Amino acid sequence: MALVAHFSRLADIAALGHRWQALEARADASFFLGWTWTASWLESYRPDVTLLAVTDRQGQDIALALMGHRMVPRLLGPAATLSLNQSGDPVSDRPFIEYNGLLAAAGQEGEATRAALAAAATRRDWRVLRLSGIAPGSALLKLAARRKVRRDVSPVYQVDLEAVRAADGDYLALLSANTRSQIRRAMKDHGGGLPAIHRATSDDILPWLEEMRALNSGRHQDNAWEDEGFRRFVAAIAARGVPTGEVDLLRFTDAGGTVGLLLNFLHREAALNYQSAFAAPRSAKDKPGLLCHAAAVADYAGRGFALYSLLAGKDRYKQSLATREESLEWWAIERFSPRLEAEALLRRLFRRPASA
């Protein structure tokens, strides 16, 4: 099948939504490529992006993606950069996309990717193509280039819920002795068991998100919850996803009050933990975060889900809770440029990592 890829200005989000959702129904794609994520990002940040569409001879969409074009700072000065499903602006890219790629019709991903890469190769207005949060070995890396630099790789720690059910629901038995001991010690500070779970309705979204913001206040050096755009994005994605069952906003409580909250995406038998907020520990050995995740694991295992993912991140607690892992990668595909050549030489001389 001959496919054609072309770029166009993004004018009408509502019209794009009809196209995106029609293709999503024919695709086997991640939550981060679905319309709930995409629409929430577009409406919350209004990023400067163009539409990349791959169509067949009849004009039917075979693949869609958004492309940002921006001068992005580099070691020796800014470089014209294309960003897949991102804008290139750190502010509007704060939601941090994972499992990135093209939204493509199932069974036609390979053809669509080749057509998209060919279209990108004809553009002369970029020096760097930024691919964030893609799977290792992605076909997107086949684009011919002067240099391909893996800027970062992150583990994605996960809990195999089939294994939890096989252990008769005893999730703690699958963890290390140290993690098991920490959770059991913490349970003593919370009445001897795991906290109760409450699921948000549409009326709960705004007050519960405000509680998440308050619990996260002052706890992180780079706190996304202090950013108005990010709070708007989280509210938008919860407003879209809670009524449809694509988003779980959970509040965990016991006799002492709130223990924590989790914002999870539900997609293809997997629960993906995207955001969290926890109350202050009640003792030196209290671990409210571990308790909330353990309670969520038990809940999703009981509901028949296959996987609980903590998404990308190198945090120690994620590793402690996991029973399996995979990884995601961040790449920069570079064309020839005297400035980029000089930068690459300097990095080799001083052994400076590409992520610096």
Protein backbone atom coordinates (compact mmCIF):
# COMPACT_ATOMS: atom_id res chain seq x y z
CA MET A 1 0.00 0.00 0.00
CA ALA A 2 1.42 3.38 -0.99
CA LEU A 3 1.31 5.79 1.92
CA VAL A 4 1.86 9.53 1.88
CA ALA A 5 3.04 11.59 4.85
CA HIS A 6 2.63 15.32 5.12
CA PHE A 7 2.80 18.11 7.70
CA SER A 8 0.05 20.68 8.23
CA ARG A 9 -0.84 23.45 10.65
CA LEU A 10 -2.94 22.46 13.63
CA ALA A 11 -5.96 24.76 13.52
CA ASP A 12 -8.98 23.03 15.08
CA ILE A 13 -8.53 20.73 18.09
CA ALA A 14 -12.13 19.49 17.90
CA ALA A 15 -11.75 18.45 14.26
CA LEU A 16 -8.47 16.73 15.05
CA GLY A 17 -10.24 14.87 17.85
CA HIS A 18 -12.60 13.15 15.43
CA ARG A 19 -9.68 11.98 13.29
CA TRP A 20 -7.54 10.97 16.26
CA GLN A 21 -10.24 8.95 17.97
CA ALA A 22 -11.25 7.20 14.75
CA LEU A 23 -7.65 6.10 14.23
CA GLU A 24 -7.19 5.23 17.92
CA ALA A 25 -10.04 2.73 17.60
CA ARG A 26 -7.98 0.92 14.90
CA ALA A 27 -4.63 1.19 16.70
CA ASP A 28 -2.73 -0.80 19.31
CA ALA A 29 -1.11 2.18 20.99
CA SER A 30 -0.13 3.34 24.46
CA PHE A 31 -2.28 5.53 26.68
CA PHE A 32 0.13 8.40 25.97
CA LEU A 33 -0.82 8.32 22.29
CA GLY A 34 -4.57 8.30 22.94
CA TRP A 35 -6.89 11.26 22.67
CA THR A 36 -7.46 11.56 26.43
CA TRP A 37 -3.77 12.38 26.93
CA THR A 38 -3.36 14.31 23.68
CA ALA A 39 -6.45 16.49 24.01
CA SER A 40 -5.66 17.32 27.64
CA TRP A 41 -2.16 18.43 26.64
CA LEU A 42 -3.31 20.50 23.68
CA GLU A 43 -6.10 22.21 25.60
CA SER A 44 -4.02 22.86 28.72
CA TYR A 45 -0.87 24.25 27.11
CA ARG A 46 -1.85 25.24 23.55
CA PRO A 47 1.62 24.16 22.39
CA ASP A 48 3.04 25.31 19.06
CA VAL A 49 2.94 22.02 17.13
CA THR A 50 2.12 20.82 13.63
CA LEU A 51 0.25 17.70 12.59
CA LEU A 52 2.06 14.84 10.89
CA ALA A 53 -0.45 12.67 9.03
CA VAL A 54 0.27 9.48 7.11
CA THR A 55 -2.60 8.59 4.77
CA ASP A 56 -3.38 5.96 2.15
CA ARG A 57 -4.49 6.63 -1.43
CA GLN A 58 -8.08 7.15 -0.33
CA GLY A 59 -7.02 9.78 2.19
CA GLN A 60 -7.71 7.59 5.21
CA ASP A 61 -5.47 8.24 8.21
CA ILE A 62 -2.95 5.46 8.80
CA ALA A 63 -0.80 7.31 11.36
CA LEU A 64 -0.91 10.61 13.23
CA ALA A 65 1.57 12.48 15.41
CA LEU A 66 2.26 16.00 16.63
CA MET A 67 5.61 17.66 15.94
CA GLY A 68 7.09 20.63 17.73
CA HIS A 69 9.67 22.86 16.01
CA ARG A 70 11.79 25.04 18.25
CA MET A 71 15.28 26.39 18.82
CA VAL A 72 16.40 24.22 21.75
CA PRO A 73 19.44 25.15 23.88
CA ARG A 74 22.56 23.05 23.34
CA LEU A 75 26.09 23.12 24.71
CA LEU A 76 27.34 25.55 22.02
CA GLY A 77 24.10 27.35 21.30
CA PRO A 78 20.53 26.56 20.25
CA ALA A 79 19.73 24.07 17.51
CA ALA A 80 16.61 23.82 15.35
CA THR A 81 14.85 20.81 16.82
CA LEU A 82 11.84 18.69 15.92
CA SER A 83 10.18 16.95 18.87
CA LEU A 84 7.84 14.00 18.48
CA ASN A 85 4.57 14.57 20.36
CA GLN A 86 6.24 17.36 22.30
CA SER A 87 6.71 21.07 21.68
CA GLY A 88 10.37 21.46 22.59
CA ASP A 89 9.37 23.99 25.26
CA PRO A 90 10.21 22.63 28.75
CA VAL A 91 7.15 24.34 30.25
CA SER A 92 4.57 22.76 27.97
CA ASP A 93 6.45 19.44 27.91
CA ARG A 94 6.17 19.17 31.70
CA PRO A 95 3.60 16.33 31.50
CA PHE A 96 6.50 14.03 30.45
CA ILE A 97 5.33 11.69 27.70
CA GLU A 98 6.23 7.98 27.85
CA TYR A 99 5.71 5.07 25.45
CA ASN A 100 5.96 7.63 22.68
CA GLY A 101 5.64 6.97 18.95
CA LEU A 102 3.19 7.29 16.11
CA LEU A 103 -0.49 6.59 16.61
CA ALA A 104 -0.77 4.04 13.80
CA ALA A 105 -3.36 1.58 12.53
CA ALA A 106 -2.67 -1.91 13.86
CA GLY A 107 -0.65 -3.99 11.43
CA GLN A 108 0.53 -0.95 9.46
CA GLU A 109 3.00 0.51 11.94
CA GLY A 110 6.06 -0.37 9.86
CA GLU A 111 4.81 1.17 6.63
CA ALA A 112 3.57 4.25 8.46
CA THR A 113 6.88 4.76 10.24
CA ARG A 114 8.84 4.53 6.99
CA ALA A 115 6.56 7.09 5.36
CA ALA A 116 6.81 9.43 8.36
CA LEU A 117 10.60 9.21 8.46
CA ALA A 118 10.80 9.90 4.72
CA ALA A 119 8.67 13.02 5.20
CA ALA A 120 10.82 14.21 8.10
CA ALA A 121 13.95 13.67 6.03
CA THR A 122 12.69 16.07 3.34
CA ARG A 123 12.36 18.93 5.81
CA ARG A 124 15.41 21.18 5.85
CA ASP A 125 14.39 23.25 8.86
CA TRP A 126 15.84 21.04 11.58
CA ARG A 127 19.19 19.79 12.83
CA VAL A 128 17.98 17.56 15.69
CA LEU A 129 15.02 15.21 15.99
CA ARG A 130 14.13 14.56 19.62
CA LEU A 131 12.48 11.23 20.46
CA SER A 132 11.44 11.08 24.12
CA GLY A 133 10.25 8.02 26.01
CA ILE A 134 10.42 5.53 23.14
CA ALA A 135 10.80 1.75 23.38
CA PRO A 136 14.28 0.29 22.85
CA GLY A 137 14.80 -0.68 19.22
CA SER A 138 12.01 1.57 17.98
CA ALA A 139 11.71 1.73 14.18
CA LEU A 140 11.87 5.52 14.53
CA LEU A 141 15.62 5.14 15.09
CA LYS A 142 16.08 3.94 11.50
CA LEU A 143 16.13 7.52 10.19
CA ALA A 144 19.42 8.13 8.38
CA ALA A 145 21.45 10.69 10.31
CA ARG A 146 24.93 11.99 11.02
CA ARG A 147 24.69 10.92 14.64
CA LYS A 148 22.26 9.15 16.95
CA VAL A 149 22.74 9.90 20.61
CA ARG A 150 20.91 8.12 23.38
CA ARG A 151 20.56 10.90 25.91
CA ASP A 152 18.95 8.86 28.66
CA VAL A 153 17.52 5.46 29.50
CA SER A 154 15.13 4.88 32.37
CA PRO A 155 13.80 1.72 33.99
CA VAL A 156 10.05 1.22 34.10
CA TYR A 157 9.40 -0.74 37.27
CA GLN A 158 6.26 -2.88 37.28
CA VAL A 159 4.29 -5.38 39.35
CA ASP A 160 3.11 -8.56 37.63
CA LEU A 161 -0.44 -8.89 38.93
CA GLU A 162 -0.79 -12.40 37.53
CA ALA A 163 2.05 -13.35 39.88
CA VAL A 164 0.24 -11.68 42.78
CA ARG A 165 -2.87 -13.75 42.06
CA ALA A 166 -0.73 -16.89 41.73
CA ALA A 167 0.60 -16.14 45.24
CA ASP A 168 -3.03 -16.12 46.50
CA GLY A 169 -2.94 -12.34 46.72
CA ASP A 170 0.14 -12.24 48.95
CA TYR A 171 1.97 -9.42 47.14
CA LEU A 172 4.42 -8.93 50.01
CA ALA A 173 5.70 -12.47 49.56
CA LEU A 174 7.03 -11.43 46.13
CA LEU A 175 9.14 -8.58 47.53
CA SER A 176 12.52 -8.50 49.20
CA ALA A 177 12.70 -9.19 52.92
CA ASN A 178 13.67 -5.57 53.57
CA THR A 179 10.73 -4.08 51.63
CA ARG A 180 8.34 -6.59 53.14
CA SER A 181 9.55 -5.63 56.60
CA GLN A 182 9.18 -1.88 55.90
CA ILE A 183 5.59 -2.29 54.75
CA ARG A 184 4.64 -4.49 57.69
CA ARG A 185 6.22 -2.05 60.15
CA ALA A 186 4.34 0.83 58.52
CA MET A 187 1.07 -1.08 58.71
CA LYS A 188 1.38 -1.04 62.50
CA ASP A 189 1.14 2.77 62.40
CA HIS A 190 -2.09 2.49 60.42
CA GLY A 191 -4.19 0.10 62.46
CA GLY A 192 -2.44 -3.07 61.38
CA GLY A 193 -3.59 -3.18 57.77
CA LEU A 194 -3.53 -1.41 54.45
CA PRO A 195 -5.50 1.82 54.05
CA ALA A 196 -8.99 1.86 52.56
CA ILE A 197 -9.38 2.97 48.94
CA HIS A 198 -11.90 5.54 47.71
CA ARG A 199 -12.39 6.22 43.98
CA ALA A 200 -13.11 9.72 42.78
CA THR A 201 -16.30 10.65 41.02
CA SER A 202 -16.39 13.73 38.82
CA ASP A 203 -17.40 15.83 41.85
CA ASP A 204 -14.31 14.70 43.78
CA ILE A 205 -11.71 15.59 41.14
CA LEU A 206 -10.96 19.22 41.95
CA PRO A 207 -10.88 18.92 45.78
CA TRP A 208 -8.79 15.75 45.64
CA LEU A 209 -6.32 17.28 43.19
CA GLU A 210 -6.05 20.31 45.45
CA GLU A 211 -5.25 17.94 48.30
CA MET A 212 -2.53 16.36 46.14
CA ARG A 213 -1.08 19.79 45.43
CA ALA A 214 -1.07 20.68 49.13
CA LEU A 215 0.57 17.38 50.15
CA ASN A 216 3.30 17.85 47.54
CA SER A 217 3.95 21.48 48.44
CA GLY A 218 7.53 22.11 49.56
CA ARG A 219 8.56 18.46 49.26
CA HIS A 220 10.40 18.51 45.94
CA GLN A 221 13.03 20.81 44.51
CA ASP A 222 11.41 20.71 41.06
CA ASN A 223 7.73 20.33 41.94
CA ALA A 224 5.42 20.05 38.92
CA TRP A 225 2.43 20.78 41.16
CA GLU A 226 3.64 24.34 41.65
CA ASP A 227 3.15 24.95 37.91
CA GLU A 228 -0.31 26.24 36.97
CA GLY A 229 -0.18 24.66 33.51
CA PHE A 230 0.60 21.24 34.95
CA ARG A 231 -2.25 21.49 37.45
CA ARG A 232 -4.56 22.48 34.59
CA PHE A 233 -3.36 19.48 32.59
CA VAL A 234 -3.89 17.01 35.44
CA ALA A 235 -7.38 18.40 36.06
CA ALA A 236 -8.20 18.11 32.36
CA ILE A 237 -7.01 14.52 32.04
CA ALA A 238 -8.91 13.50 35.19
CA ALA A 239 -12.07 15.26 33.98
CA ARG A 240 -11.85 13.36 30.68
CA GLY A 241 -10.72 10.02 32.03
CA VAL A 242 -12.56 9.48 35.32
CA PRO A 243 -16.06 9.32 33.73
CA THR A 244 -14.86 6.97 30.96
CA GLY A 245 -12.87 4.68 33.27
CA GLU A 246 -9.53 5.59 31.67
CA VAL A 247 -8.29 7.40 34.78
CA ASP A 248 -8.41 6.32 38.42
CA LEU A 249 -8.05 9.04 41.05
CA LEU A 250 -7.66 7.18 44.35
CA ARG A 251 -7.69 8.46 47.92
CA PHE A 252 -6.34 6.22 50.69
CA THR A 253 -7.54 6.68 54.27
CA ASP A 254 -7.57 5.04 57.67
CA ALA A 255 -8.80 6.06 61.11
CA GLY A 256 -6.11 8.75 61.22
CA GLY A 257 -7.25 10.45 58.01
CA THR A 258 -5.66 10.70 54.58
CA VAL A 259 -2.69 8.43 53.92
CA GLY A 260 -2.19 9.43 50.28
CA LEU A 261 -3.60 9.82 46.78
CA LEU A 262 -2.70 8.26 43.43
CA LEU A 263 -3.60 9.30 39.90
CA ASN A 264 -3.46 6.24 37.62
CA PHE A 265 -4.16 5.60 33.95
CA LEU A 266 -6.07 2.42 33.07
CA HIS A 267 -5.20 1.02 29.66
CA ARG A 268 -5.36 -2.48 28.17
CA GLU A 269 -5.44 -4.41 31.48
CA ALA A 270 -2.67 -2.24 32.95
CA ALA A 271 -2.84 0.39 35.69
CA LEU A 272 -0.16 3.06 35.22
CA ASN A 273 0.73 5.22 38.21
CA TYR A 274 1.27 8.75 36.90
CA GLN A 275 1.12 11.01 39.98
CA SER A 276 1.14 10.56 43.74
CA ALA A 277 0.90 12.52 46.97
CA PHE A 278 1.34 11.20 50.50
CA ALA A 279 0.69 12.42 54.01
CA ALA A 280 3.61 12.99 56.35
CA PRO A 281 4.90 9.83 58.06
CA ARG A 282 3.35 9.22 61.47
CA SER A 283 6.53 7.72 62.90
CA ALA A 284 10.17 7.24 62.01
CA LYS A 285 9.34 3.92 60.36
CA ASP A 286 6.11 4.89 58.64
CA LYS A 287 6.04 4.56 54.83
CA PRO A 288 2.72 5.98 53.60
CA GLY A 289 3.81 5.78 49.96
CA LEU A 290 4.63 2.08 50.16
CA LEU A 291 1.31 1.43 51.91
CA CYS A 292 -0.72 3.22 49.23
CA HIS A 293 1.02 1.40 46.38
CA ALA A 294 0.64 -1.95 48.16
CA ALA A 295 -3.07 -1.27 48.61
CA ALA A 296 -3.39 -0.31 44.95
CA VAL A 297 -1.60 -3.51 43.87
CA ALA A 298 -4.00 -5.62 45.95
CA ASP A 299 -6.98 -3.77 44.51
CA TYR A 300 -5.96 -4.04 40.86
CA ALA A 301 -4.96 -7.69 41.26
CA GLY A 302 -8.40 -8.40 42.71
CA ARG A 303 -10.06 -6.60 39.79
CA GLY A 304 -8.28 -8.79 37.23
CA PHE A 305 -5.71 -6.34 35.87
CA ALA A 306 -2.51 -7.84 34.46
CA LEU A 307 0.02 -5.15 35.35
CA TYR A 308 0.67 -2.30 37.77
CA SER A 309 3.29 0.05 36.36
CA LEU A 310 5.17 2.74 38.24
CA LEU A 311 6.18 4.25 34.88
CA ALA A 312 9.64 5.63 34.10
CA GLY A 313 11.85 6.68 36.97
CA LYS A 314 14.98 5.63 38.81
CA ASP A 315 13.52 6.13 42.29
CA ARG A 316 14.56 3.51 44.82
CA TYR A 317 11.01 2.99 46.08
CA LYS A 318 9.85 1.98 42.59
CA GLN A 319 12.52 -0.68 42.39
CA SER A 320 11.59 -1.92 45.86
CA LEU A 321 7.95 -2.41 44.89
CA ALA A 322 8.58 -4.03 41.50
CA THR A 323 8.55 -7.67 40.47
CA ARG A 324 9.67 -6.97 36.87
CA GLU A 325 10.94 -4.11 34.73
CA GLU A 326 11.46 -2.82 31.21
CA SER A 327 12.96 0.43 29.95
CA LEU A 328 12.34 3.54 27.86
CA GLU A 329 14.88 5.67 26.02
CA TRP A 330 15.42 9.31 25.08
CA TRP A 331 17.25 9.96 21.79
CA ALA A 332 18.56 12.87 19.75
CA ILE A 333 18.89 12.17 16.01
CA GLU A 334 21.37 14.73 14.66
CA ARG A 335 22.06 15.98 11.17
CA PHE A 336 25.39 17.47 10.16
CA SER A 337 26.03 20.90 11.59
CA PRO A 338 29.42 22.53 12.31
CA ARG A 339 28.18 23.52 15.75
CA LEU A 340 26.95 20.02 16.58
CA GLU A 341 30.20 18.53 15.26
CA ALA A 342 32.16 20.82 17.57
CA GLU A 343 29.89 19.90 20.46
CA ALA A 344 30.35 16.18 19.82
CA LEU A 345 34.13 16.67 19.75
CA LEU A 346 34.08 18.55 23.04
CA ARG A 347 31.95 15.86 24.67
CA ARG A 348 34.44 13.20 23.57
CA LEU A 349 37.40 15.22 24.82
CA PHE A 350 35.88 15.96 28.21
CA ARG A 351 33.79 12.75 28.39
CA ARG A 352 30.72 14.81 29.08
CA PRO A 353 27.45 12.83 28.85
CA ALA A 354 24.93 13.76 26.17
CA SER A 355 22.32 14.43 28.85
CA ALA A 356 24.40 17.27 30.32
